[in-house]
Amino acid sequence: MSSLHHLRIVTQKELKLLVPYTPHHILRLEKAGKFPPRIRLGQNRVGWLLIEIEAWVASRRAASTSPSSPHLPHA
């Protein structure tokens, strides 16, 4: 892993590949403090720190596999 991994910024397009939510839903989660905040890169450009997105995904995964979490019925 690169020593600069903690500085890697992902674009909205890249974020969509990592988190399959709509941009509007991501914004709602950010405003509620439930998603890593975006970084304003320019007037019309935003990004997210990859390391924060990876931590968020890992927390979602841990929550979904914890013994106390409700299990979804199988289809």
PDB file of N, CA and C in Angstrom:
ATOM      1  N   MET A   1       0.844  -1.175   0.000  1.00  0.00           N
ATOM      2  CA  MET A   1       0.000   0.000   0.000  1.00  0.00           C
ATOM      3  C   MET A   1       0.892   1.242   0.000  1.00  0.00           C
ATOM      4  N   SER A   2       0.498   2.222  -0.743  1.00  0.00           N
ATOM      5  CA  SER A   2       1.271   3.455  -0.860  1.00  0.00           C
ATOM      6  C   SER A   2       1.275   4.225   0.457  1.00  0.00           C
ATOM      7  N   SER A   3       2.367   4.926   0.718  1.00  0.00           N
ATOM      8  CA  SER A   3       2.438   5.751   1.922  1.00  0.00           C
ATOM      9  C   SER A   3       1.515   6.951   1.823  1.00  0.00           C
ATOM     10  N   LEU A   4       0.996   7.234   0.641  1.00  0.00           N
ATOM     11  CA  LEU A   4       0.076   8.356   0.443  1.00  0.00           C
ATOM     12  C   LEU A   4      -1.384   7.920   0.410  1.00  0.00           C
ATOM     13  N   HIS A   5      -1.646   6.656   0.720  1.00  0.00           N
ATOM     14  CA  HIS A   5      -3.011   6.123   0.670  1.00  0.00           C
ATOM     15  C   HIS A   5      -3.981   6.976   1.497  1.00  0.00           C
ATOM     16  N   HIS A   6      -3.539   7.454   2.654  1.00  0.00           N
ATOM     17  CA  HIS A   6      -4.411   8.229   3.533  1.00  0.00           C
ATOM     18  C   HIS A   6      -4.790   9.584   2.934  1.00  0.00           C
ATOM     19  N   LEU A   7      -4.108   9.998   1.857  1.00  0.00           N
ATOM     20  CA  LEU A   7      -4.399  11.272   1.206  1.00  0.00           C
ATOM     21  C   LEU A   7      -5.202  11.123  -0.085  1.00  0.00           C
ATOM     22  N   ARG A   8      -5.423   9.906  -0.534  1.00  0.00           N
ATOM     23  CA  ARG A   8      -6.116   9.654  -1.814  1.00  0.00           C
ATOM     24  C   ARG A   8      -7.539  10.174  -1.751  1.00  0.00           C
ATOM     25  N   ILE A   9      -7.904  10.983  -2.728  1.00  0.00           N
ATOM     26  CA  ILE A   9      -9.248  11.541  -2.825  1.00  0.00           C
ATOM     27  C   ILE A   9      -9.979  10.863  -3.966  1.00  0.00           C
ATOM     28  N   VAL A  10     -11.227  10.447  -3.703  1.00  0.00           N
ATOM     29  CA  VAL A  10     -12.037   9.829  -4.755  1.00  0.00           C
ATOM     30  C   VAL A  10     -13.074  10.835  -5.236  1.00  0.00           C
ATOM     31  N   THR A  11     -13.381  10.750  -6.514  1.00  0.00           N
ATOM     32  CA  THR A  11     -14.370  11.621  -7.139  1.00  0.00           C
ATOM     33  C   THR A  11     -15.766  11.042  -6.939  1.00  0.00           C
ATOM     34  N   GLN A  12     -16.792  11.799  -7.331  1.00  0.00           N
ATOM     35  CA  GLN A  12     -18.168  11.298  -7.247  1.00  0.00           C
ATOM     36  C   GLN A  12     -18.326  10.033  -8.076  1.00  0.00           C
ATOM     37  N   LYS A  13     -17.702  10.006  -9.243  1.00  0.00           N
ATOM     38  CA  LYS A  13     -17.795   8.840 -10.117  1.00  0.00           C
ATOM     39  C   LYS A  13     -17.174   7.613  -9.446  1.00  0.00           C
ATOM     40  N   GLU A  14     -16.010   7.796  -8.830  1.00  0.00           N
ATOM     41  CA  GLU A  14     -15.358   6.686  -8.128  1.00  0.00           C
ATOM     42  C   GLU A  14     -16.146   6.273  -6.889  1.00  0.00           C
ATOM     43  N   LEU A  15     -16.721   7.259  -6.198  1.00  0.00           N
ATOM     44  CA  LEU A  15     -17.517   6.965  -5.011  1.00  0.00           C
ATOM     45  C   LEU A  15     -18.704   6.072  -5.365  1.00  0.00           C
ATOM     46  N   LYS A  16     -19.313   6.326  -6.500  1.00  0.00           N
ATOM     47  CA  LYS A  16     -20.467   5.531  -6.949  1.00  0.00           C
ATOM     48  C   LYS A  16     -20.090   4.054  -7.096  1.00  0.00           C
ATOM     49  N   LEU A  17     -18.850   3.766  -7.473  1.00  0.00           N
ATOM     50  CA  LEU A  17     -18.393   2.382  -7.592  1.00  0.00           C
ATOM     51  C   LEU A  17     -18.197   1.729  -6.227  1.00  0.00           C
ATOM     52  N   LEU A  18     -17.862   2.538  -5.225  1.00  0.00           N
ATOM     53  CA  LEU A  18     -17.609   2.023  -3.881  1.00  0.00           C
ATOM     54  C   LEU A  18     -18.873   1.944  -3.033  1.00  0.00           C
ATOM     55  N   VAL A  19     -19.753   2.938  -3.210  1.00  0.00           N
ATOM     56  CA  VAL A  19     -20.981   3.033  -2.417  1.00  0.00           C
ATOM     57  C   VAL A  19     -22.136   3.271  -3.393  1.00  0.00           C
ATOM     58  N   PRO A  20     -22.959   2.267  -3.626  1.00  0.00           N
ATOM     59  CA  PRO A  20     -24.009   2.402  -4.651  1.00  0.00           C
ATOM     60  C   PRO A  20     -25.245   3.169  -4.179  1.00  0.00           C
ATOM     61  N   TYR A  21     -25.024   4.371  -3.680  1.00  0.00           N
ATOM     62  CA  TYR A  21     -26.098   5.265  -3.270  1.00  0.00           C
ATOM     63  C   TYR A  21     -26.158   6.421  -4.260  1.00  0.00           C
ATOM     64  N   THR A  22     -27.326   7.051  -4.348  1.00  0.00           N
ATOM     65  CA  THR A  22     -27.452   8.223  -5.208  1.00  0.00           C
ATOM     66  C   THR A  22     -26.707   9.391  -4.568  1.00  0.00           C
ATOM     67  N   PRO A  23     -26.279  10.358  -5.377  1.00  0.00           N
ATOM     68  CA  PRO A  23     -25.619  11.545  -4.814  1.00  0.00           C
ATOM     69  C   PRO A  23     -26.498  12.254  -3.782  1.00  0.00           C
ATOM     70  N   HIS A  24     -27.803  12.273  -4.017  1.00  0.00           N
ATOM     71  CA  HIS A  24     -28.723  12.927  -3.079  1.00  0.00           C
ATOM     72  C   HIS A  24     -28.740  12.202  -1.729  1.00  0.00           C
ATOM     73  N   HIS A  25     -28.732  10.870  -1.757  1.00  0.00           N
ATOM     74  CA  HIS A  25     -28.733  10.098  -0.512  1.00  0.00           C
ATOM     75  C   HIS A  25     -27.412  10.288   0.242  1.00  0.00           C
ATOM     76  N   ILE A  26     -26.300  10.316  -0.493  1.00  0.00           N
ATOM     77  CA  ILE A  26     -24.994  10.574   0.125  1.00  0.00           C
ATOM     78  C   ILE A  26     -25.037  11.922   0.835  1.00  0.00           C
ATOM     79  N   LEU A  27     -25.581  12.933   0.189  1.00  0.00           N
ATOM     80  CA  LEU A  27     -25.669  14.273   0.779  1.00  0.00           C
ATOM     81  C   LEU A  27     -26.513  14.254   2.053  1.00  0.00           C
ATOM     82  N   ARG A  28     -27.640  13.542   2.021  1.00  0.00           N
ATOM     83  CA  ARG A  28     -28.484  13.428   3.226  1.00  0.00           C
ATOM     84  C   ARG A  28     -27.714  12.782   4.374  1.00  0.00           C
ATOM     85  N   LEU A  29     -26.977  11.699   4.060  1.00  0.00           N
ATOM     86  CA  LEU A  29     -26.194  11.023   5.092  1.00  0.00           C
ATOM     87  C   LEU A  29     -25.105  11.945   5.641  1.00  0.00           C
ATOM     88  N   GLU A  30     -24.450  12.686   4.762  1.00  0.00           N
ATOM     89  CA  GLU A  30     -23.417  13.635   5.198  1.00  0.00           C
ATOM     90  C   GLU A  30     -24.010  14.678   6.147  1.00  0.00           C
ATOM     91  N   LYS A  31     -25.145  15.250   5.771  1.00  0.00           N
ATOM     92  CA  LYS A  31     -25.776  16.277   6.597  1.00  0.00           C
ATOM     93  C   LYS A  31     -26.195  15.733   7.957  1.00  0.00           C
ATOM     94  N   ALA A  32     -26.526  14.442   8.003  1.00  0.00           N
ATOM     95  CA  ALA A  32     -26.920  13.802   9.264  1.00  0.00           C
ATOM     96  C   ALA A  32     -25.712  13.328  10.064  1.00  0.00           C
ATOM     97  N   GLY A  33     -24.511  13.509   9.511  1.00  0.00           N
ATOM     98  CA  GLY A  33     -23.304  13.065  10.194  1.00  0.00           C
ATOM     99  C   GLY A  33     -23.091  11.565  10.144  1.00  0.00           C
ATOM    100  N   LYS A  34     -23.706  10.902   9.156  1.00  0.00           N
ATOM    101  CA  LYS A  34     -23.636   9.447   9.040  1.00  0.00           C
ATOM    102  C   LYS A  34     -22.778   8.974   7.868  1.00  0.00           C
ATOM    103  N   PHE A  35     -22.055   9.906   7.252  1.00  0.00           N
ATOM    104  CA  PHE A  35     -21.200   9.590   6.117  1.00  0.00           C
ATOM    105  C   PHE A  35     -20.034  10.565   6.150  1.00  0.00           C
ATOM    106  N   PRO A  36     -18.855  10.135   5.725  1.00  0.00           N
ATOM    107  CA  PRO A  36     -17.703  11.046   5.739  1.00  0.00           C
ATOM    108  C   PRO A  36     -17.988  12.319   4.936  1.00  0.00           C
ATOM    109  N   PRO A  37     -17.542  13.448   5.443  1.00  0.00           N
ATOM    110  CA  PRO A  37     -17.810  14.712   4.745  1.00  0.00           C
ATOM    111  C   PRO A  37     -16.998  14.862   3.468  1.00  0.00           C
ATOM    112  N   ARG A  38     -17.603  15.516   2.511  1.00  0.00           N
ATOM    113  CA  ARG A  38     -16.918  15.800   1.252  1.00  0.00           C
ATOM    114  C   ARG A  38     -15.895  16.897   1.444  1.00  0.00           C
ATOM    115  N   ILE A  39     -14.956  16.948   0.540  1.00  0.00           N
ATOM    116  CA  ILE A  39     -13.927  17.975   0.531  1.00  0.00           C
ATOM    117  C   ILE A  39     -14.142  18.810  -0.718  1.00  0.00           C
ATOM    118  N   ARG A  40     -14.268  20.106  -0.564  1.00  0.00           N
ATOM    119  CA  ARG A  40     -14.435  20.975  -1.723  1.00  0.00           C
ATOM    120  C   ARG A  40     -13.076  21.181  -2.365  1.00  0.00           C
ATOM    121  N   LEU A  41     -12.949  20.739  -3.612  1.00  0.00           N
ATOM    122  CA  LEU A  41     -11.686  20.816  -4.349  1.00  0.00           C
ATOM    123  C   LEU A  41     -11.627  22.034  -5.256  1.00  0.00           C
ATOM    124  N   GLY A  42     -12.763  22.535  -5.611  1.00  0.00           N
ATOM    125  CA  GLY A  42     -12.854  23.693  -6.496  1.00  0.00           C
ATOM    126  C   GLY A  42     -14.289  24.172  -6.505  1.00  0.00           C
ATOM    127  N   GLN A  43     -14.574  25.136  -7.337  1.00  0.00           N
ATOM    128  CA  GLN A  43     -15.918  25.707  -7.380  1.00  0.00           C
ATOM    129  C   GLN A  43     -16.989  24.653  -7.698  1.00  0.00           C
ATOM    130  N   ASN A  44     -16.688  23.745  -8.616  1.00  0.00           N
ATOM    131  CA  ASN A  44     -17.661  22.729  -9.026  1.00  0.00           C
ATOM    132  C   ASN A  44     -17.131  21.314  -8.850  1.00  0.00           C
ATOM    133  N   ARG A  45     -16.225  21.108  -7.915  1.00  0.00           N
ATOM    134  CA  ARG A  45     -15.584  19.797  -7.767  1.00  0.00           C
ATOM    135  C   ARG A  45     -15.488  19.430  -6.295  1.00  0.00           C
ATOM    136  N   VAL A  46     -15.936  18.206  -5.969  1.00  0.00           N
ATOM    137  CA  VAL A  46     -15.810  17.696  -4.609  1.00  0.00           C
ATOM    138  C   VAL A  46     -15.189  16.309  -4.652  1.00  0.00           C
ATOM    139  N   GLY A  47     -14.720  15.867  -3.512  1.00  0.00           N
ATOM    140  CA  GLY A  47     -14.156  14.534  -3.397  1.00  0.00           C
ATOM    141  C   GLY A  47     -14.240  14.073  -1.954  1.00  0.00           C
ATOM    142  N   TRP A  48     -13.871  12.832  -1.721  1.00  0.00           N
ATOM    143  CA  TRP A  48     -13.886  12.243  -0.387  1.00  0.00           C
ATOM    144  C   TRP A  48     -12.566  11.538  -0.162  1.00  0.00           C
ATOM    145  N   LEU A  49     -12.091  11.533   1.074  1.00  0.00           N
ATOM    146  CA  LEU A  49     -10.875  10.794   1.382  1.00  0.00           C
ATOM    147  C   LEU A  49     -11.182   9.301   1.322  1.00  0.00           C
ATOM    148  N   LEU A  50     -10.427   8.590   0.516  1.00  0.00           N
ATOM    149  CA  LEU A  50     -10.641   7.156   0.339  1.00  0.00           C
ATOM    150  C   LEU A  50     -10.564   6.421   1.669  1.00  0.00           C
ATOM    151  N   ILE A  51      -9.624   6.781   2.513  1.00  0.00           N
ATOM    152  CA  ILE A  51      -9.462   6.086   3.782  1.00  0.00           C
ATOM    153  C   ILE A  51     -10.709   6.235   4.661  1.00  0.00           C
ATOM    154  N   GLU A  52     -11.375   7.387   4.585  1.00  0.00           N
ATOM    155  CA  GLU A  52     -12.608   7.591   5.354  1.00  0.00           C
ATOM    156  C   GLU A  52     -13.761   6.779   4.770  1.00  0.00           C
ATOM    157  N   ILE A  53     -13.822   6.682   3.451  1.00  0.00           N
ATOM    158  CA  ILE A  53     -14.864   5.884   2.807  1.00  0.00           C
ATOM    159  C   ILE A  53     -14.652   4.405   3.144  1.00  0.00           C
ATOM    160  N   GLU A  54     -13.410   3.944   3.088  1.00  0.00           N
ATOM    161  CA  GLU A  54     -13.109   2.551   3.434  1.00  0.00           C
ATOM    162  C   GLU A  54     -13.486   2.250   4.881  1.00  0.00           C
ATOM    163  N   ALA A  55     -13.226   3.177   5.788  1.00  0.00           N
ATOM    164  CA  ALA A  55     -13.590   2.981   7.196  1.00  0.00           C
ATOM    165  C   ALA A  55     -15.113   2.937   7.351  1.00  0.00           C
ATOM    166  N   TRP A  56     -15.817   3.783   6.613  1.00  0.00           N
ATOM    167  CA  TRP A  56     -17.275   3.803   6.671  1.00  0.00           C
ATOM    168  C   TRP A  56     -17.844   2.473   6.165  1.00  0.00           C
ATOM    169  N   VAL A  57     -17.315   1.987   5.043  1.00  0.00           N
ATOM    170  CA  VAL A  57     -17.768   0.697   4.490  1.00  0.00           C
ATOM    171  C   VAL A  57     -17.481  -0.418   5.500  1.00  0.00           C
ATOM    172  N   ALA A  58     -16.302  -0.405   6.104  1.00  0.00           N
ATOM    173  CA  ALA A  58     -15.945  -1.430   7.093  1.00  0.00           C
ATOM    174  C   ALA A  58     -16.896  -1.381   8.286  1.00  0.00           C
ATOM    175  N   SER A  59     -17.287  -0.192   8.715  1.00  0.00           N
ATOM    176  CA  SER A  59     -18.219  -0.085   9.843  1.00  0.00           C
ATOM    177  C   SER A  59     -19.590  -0.623   9.474  1.00  0.00           C
ATOM    178  N   ARG A  60     -20.016  -0.394   8.228  1.00  0.00           N
ATOM    179  CA  ARG A  60     -21.311  -0.924   7.760  1.00  0.00           C
ATOM    180  C   ARG A  60     -21.244  -2.448   7.722  1.00  0.00           C
ATOM    181  N   ARG A  61     -20.114  -2.968   7.258  1.00  0.00           N
ATOM    182  CA  ARG A  61     -19.941  -4.415   7.173  1.00  0.00           C
ATOM    183  C   ARG A  61     -19.946  -5.032   8.571  1.00  0.00           C
ATOM    184  N   ALA A  62     -19.233  -4.407   9.500  1.00  0.00           N
ATOM    185  CA  ALA A  62     -19.187  -4.916  10.873  1.00  0.00           C
ATOM    186  C   ALA A  62     -20.582  -4.897  11.501  1.00  0.00           C
ATOM    187  N   ALA A  63     -21.338  -3.840  11.240  1.00  0.00           N
ATOM    188  CA  ALA A  63     -22.687  -3.739  11.789  1.00  0.00           C
ATOM    189  C   ALA A  63     -23.604  -4.800  11.219  1.00  0.00           C
ATOM    190  N   SER A  64     -23.409  -5.137   9.951  1.00  0.00           N
ATOM    191  CA  SER A  64     -24.291  -6.122   9.319  1.00  0.00           C
ATOM    192  C   SER A  64     -23.935  -7.554   9.692  1.00  0.00           C
ATOM    193  N   THR A  65     -22.731  -7.783  10.213  1.00  0.00           N
ATOM    194  CA  THR A  65     -22.329  -9.134  10.581  1.00  0.00           C
ATOM    195  C   THR A  65     -22.272  -9.344  12.086  1.00  0.00           C
ATOM    196  N   SER A  66     -22.631  -8.296  12.864  1.00  0.00           N
ATOM    197  CA  SER A  66     -22.589  -8.450  14.318  1.00  0.00           C
ATOM    198  C   SER A  66     -23.726  -9.361  14.762  1.00  0.00           C
ATOM    199  N   PRO A  67     -23.509 -10.149  15.829  1.00  0.00           N
ATOM    200  CA  PRO A  67     -24.541 -11.085  16.298  1.00  0.00           C
ATOM    201  C   PRO A  67     -25.821 -10.395  16.724  1.00  0.00           C
ATOM    202  N   SER A  68     -25.751  -9.127  17.152  1.00  0.00           N
ATOM    203  CA  SER A  68     -26.943  -8.442  17.621  1.00  0.00           C
ATOM    204  C   SER A  68     -27.756  -7.801  16.491  1.00  0.00           C
ATOM    205  N   SER A  69     -27.206  -7.790  15.275  1.00  0.00           N
ATOM    206  CA  SER A  69     -27.935  -7.170  14.175  1.00  0.00           C
ATOM    207  C   SER A  69     -29.017  -8.130  13.677  1.00  0.00           C
ATOM    208  N   PRO A  70     -30.170  -7.587  13.316  1.00  0.00           N
ATOM    209  CA  PRO A  70     -31.231  -8.460  12.791  1.00  0.00           C
ATOM    210  C   PRO A  70     -30.839  -9.029  11.445  1.00  0.00           C
ATOM    211  N   HIS A  71     -31.193 -10.259  11.223  1.00  0.00           N
ATOM    212  CA  HIS A  71     -30.899 -10.916   9.952  1.00  0.00           C
ATOM    213  C   HIS A  71     -32.058 -10.725   8.990  1.00  0.00           C
ATOM    214  N   LEU A  72     -31.728 -10.488   7.763  1.00  0.00           N
ATOM    215  CA  LEU A  72     -32.742 -10.359   6.728  1.00  0.00           C
ATOM    216  C   LEU A  72     -33.182 -11.751   6.284  1.00  0.00           C
ATOM    217  N   PRO A  73     -34.448 -11.935   5.998  1.00  0.00           N
ATOM    218  CA  PRO A  73     -34.892 -13.247   5.514  1.00  0.00           C
ATOM    219  C   PRO A  73     -34.300 -13.523   4.139  1.00  0.00           C
ATOM    220  N   HIS A  74     -34.051 -14.768   3.870  1.00  0.00           N
ATOM    221  CA  HIS A  74     -33.527 -15.155   2.560  1.00  0.00           C
ATOM    222  C   HIS A  74     -34.650 -15.179   1.553  1.00  0.00           C
ATOM    223  N   ALA A  75     -34.374 -14.736   0.350  1.00  0.00           N
ATOM    224  CA  ALA A  75     -35.387 -14.694  -0.715  1.00  0.00           C
ATOM    225  C   ALA A  75     -35.546 -16.040  -1.358  1.00  0.00           C
TER     226      ALA A  75
END
